């Protein structure tokens, strides 16, 4: 099985995407940390609903990405095996 994840994108593109996603996650966490006490004070059930919705959304996104990534890895592995064996 051959995995070509590092060669998929140039180093600069990977570093930029990783930095952007890290900064975006920190920004969203900071904003949520500012509004969490206000939401908890006014309606605790709303805070729980937001947290449950975020957990469900992240689980759905994660499962979709894992399926897509597993398919791509399997496909790349089969293509590499075909090139190596010539069949």
C-alpha atoms as a PDB file:
ATOM      1  CA  UNK A   1       0.000   0.000   0.000  1.00  0.00           C
ATOM      2  CA  UNK A   2       1.426   3.344  -1.066  1.00  0.00           C
ATOM      3  CA  UNK A   3       0.284   6.650   0.424  1.00  0.00           C
ATOM      4  CA  UNK A   4       1.208   9.886  -1.367  1.00  0.00           C
ATOM      5  CA  UNK A   5      -0.247  12.456   1.040  1.00  0.00           C
ATOM      6  CA  UNK A   6       2.857  14.626   1.353  1.00  0.00           C
ATOM      7  CA  UNK A   7       3.377  14.892  -2.376  1.00  0.00           C
ATOM      8  CA  UNK A   8      -0.202  15.932  -3.123  1.00  0.00           C
ATOM      9  CA  UNK A   9       0.467  19.632  -2.528  1.00  0.00           C
ATOM     10  CA  UNK A  10       3.523  21.864  -2.494  1.00  0.00           C
ATOM     11  CA  UNK A  11       5.100  22.630   0.881  1.00  0.00           C
ATOM     12  CA  UNK A  12       4.069  26.297   0.747  1.00  0.00           C
ATOM     13  CA  UNK A  13       0.453  25.425  -0.046  1.00  0.00           C
ATOM     14  CA  UNK A  14       0.287  22.913   2.809  1.00  0.00           C
ATOM     15  CA  UNK A  15       1.859  25.346   5.267  1.00  0.00           C
ATOM     16  CA  UNK A  16      -0.510  28.140   4.231  1.00  0.00           C
ATOM     17  CA  UNK A  17      -3.595  25.931   4.542  1.00  0.00           C
ATOM     18  CA  UNK A  18      -2.499  24.590   7.911  1.00  0.00           C
ATOM     19  CA  UNK A  19      -1.758  28.073   9.232  1.00  0.00           C
ATOM     20  CA  UNK A  20      -5.074  29.412   7.964  1.00  0.00           C
ATOM     21  CA  UNK A  21      -7.088  26.582   9.504  1.00  0.00           C
ATOM     22  CA  UNK A  22      -5.222  26.940  12.819  1.00  0.00           C
ATOM     23  CA  UNK A  23      -5.843  30.708  12.912  1.00  0.00           C
ATOM     24  CA  UNK A  24      -9.506  30.293  11.986  1.00  0.00           C
ATOM     25  CA  UNK A  25     -10.034  27.696  14.723  1.00  0.00           C
ATOM     26  CA  UNK A  26      -8.407  29.971  17.315  1.00  0.00           C
ATOM     27  CA  UNK A  27     -10.555  32.910  16.192  1.00  0.00           C
ATOM     28  CA  UNK A  28     -13.791  30.900  16.401  1.00  0.00           C
ATOM     29  CA  UNK A  29     -12.800  29.547  19.823  1.00  0.00           C
ATOM     30  CA  UNK A  30     -12.026  33.070  21.075  1.00  0.00           C
ATOM     31  CA  UNK A  31     -15.360  34.446  19.846  1.00  0.00           C
ATOM     32  CA  UNK A  32     -17.257  31.537  21.362  1.00  0.00           C
ATOM     33  CA  UNK A  33     -15.405  32.023  24.660  1.00  0.00           C
ATOM     34  CA  UNK A  34     -16.602  35.634  24.717  1.00  0.00           C
ATOM     35  CA  UNK A  35     -20.274  34.850  24.130  1.00  0.00           C
ATOM     36  CA  UNK A  36     -20.538  31.602  26.143  1.00  0.00           C
ATOM     37  CA  UNK A  37     -21.109  33.283  29.538  1.00  0.00           C
ATOM     38  CA  UNK A  38     -23.855  35.475  28.106  1.00  0.00           C
ATOM     39  CA  UNK A  39     -25.620  32.512  26.508  1.00  0.00           C
ATOM     40  CA  UNK A  40     -25.251  30.410  29.672  1.00  0.00           C
ATOM     41  CA  UNK A  41     -26.652  33.214  31.833  1.00  0.00           C
ATOM     42  CA  UNK A  42     -29.648  33.917  29.628  1.00  0.00           C
ATOM     43  CA  UNK A  43     -30.603  30.428  28.377  1.00  0.00           C
ATOM     44  CA  UNK A  44     -28.551  27.403  29.464  1.00  0.00           C
ATOM     45  CA  UNK A  45     -30.598  25.110  27.224  1.00  0.00           C
ATOM     46  CA  UNK A  46     -29.540  27.183  24.205  1.00  0.00           C
ATOM     47  CA  UNK A  47     -25.889  26.673  25.115  1.00  0.00           C
ATOM     48  CA  UNK A  48     -26.395  22.929  25.416  1.00  0.00           C
ATOM     49  CA  UNK A  49     -28.204  22.888  22.053  1.00  0.00           C
ATOM     50  CA  UNK A  50     -25.358  24.782  20.382  1.00  0.00           C
ATOM     51  CA  UNK A  51     -22.759  22.411  21.820  1.00  0.00           C
ATOM     52  CA  UNK A  52     -24.716  19.311  20.791  1.00  0.00           C
ATOM     53  CA  UNK A  53     -25.243  20.705  17.275  1.00  0.00           C
ATOM     54  CA  UNK A  54     -21.521  21.469  16.976  1.00  0.00           C
ATOM     55  CA  UNK A  55     -20.637  17.926  18.094  1.00  0.00           C
ATOM     56  CA  UNK A  56     -23.048  16.355  15.594  1.00  0.00           C
ATOM     57  CA  UNK A  57     -21.821  18.598  12.784  1.00  0.00           C
ATOM     58  CA  UNK A  58     -18.182  17.777  13.493  1.00  0.00           C
ATOM     59  CA  UNK A  59     -18.989  14.042  13.588  1.00  0.00           C
ATOM     60  CA  UNK A  60     -20.729  14.255  10.209  1.00  0.00           C
ATOM     61  CA  UNK A  61     -17.913  16.228   8.620  1.00  0.00           C
ATOM     62  CA  UNK A  62     -15.330  13.876  10.086  1.00  0.00           C
ATOM     63  CA  UNK A  63     -17.097  10.761   8.854  1.00  0.00           C
ATOM     64  CA  UNK A  64     -17.453  12.215   5.356  1.00  0.00           C
ATOM     65  CA  UNK A  65     -13.778  13.166   5.205  1.00  0.00           C
ATOM     66  CA  UNK A  66     -12.656   9.783   6.501  1.00  0.00           C
ATOM     67  CA  UNK A  67     -14.735   7.960   3.878  1.00  0.00           C
ATOM     68  CA  UNK A  68     -13.450  10.199   1.099  1.00  0.00           C
ATOM     69  CA  UNK A  69      -9.849   9.897   2.291  1.00  0.00           C
ATOM     70  CA  UNK A  70     -10.101   6.109   2.609  1.00  0.00           C
ATOM     71  CA  UNK A  71     -11.455   5.879  -0.930  1.00  0.00           C
ATOM     72  CA  UNK A  72      -8.670   8.092  -2.282  1.00  0.00           C
ATOM     73  CA  UNK A  73      -5.977   6.099  -0.460  1.00  0.00           C
ATOM     74  CA  UNK A  74      -7.394   2.808  -1.731  1.00  0.00           C
ATOM     75  CA  UNK A  75      -7.643   4.169  -5.255  1.00  0.00           C
ATOM     76  CA  UNK A  76      -4.095   5.555  -5.172  1.00  0.00           C
ATOM     77  CA  UNK A  77      -2.781   2.287  -3.771  1.00  0.00           C
ATOM     78  CA  UNK A  78      -4.471   0.273  -6.514  1.00  0.00           C
ATOM     79  CA  UNK A  79      -3.147   2.646  -9.178  1.00  0.00           C
ATOM     80  CA  UNK A  80       0.377   2.404  -7.773  1.00  0.00           C
ATOM     81  CA  UNK A  81       0.165  -1.396  -7.606  1.00  0.00           C
ATOM     82  CA  UNK A  82      -1.029  -1.493 -11.208  1.00  0.00           C
ATOM     83  CA  UNK A  83       1.868   0.688 -12.344  1.00  0.00           C
ATOM     84  CA  UNK A  84       4.388  -1.433 -10.452  1.00  0.00           C
ATOM     85  CA  UNK A  85       3.123  -4.801 -11.661  1.00  0.00           C
ATOM     86  CA  UNK A  86       2.155  -3.637 -15.138  1.00  0.00           C
ATOM     87  CA  UNK A  87      -1.218  -5.384 -14.995  1.00  0.00           C
END
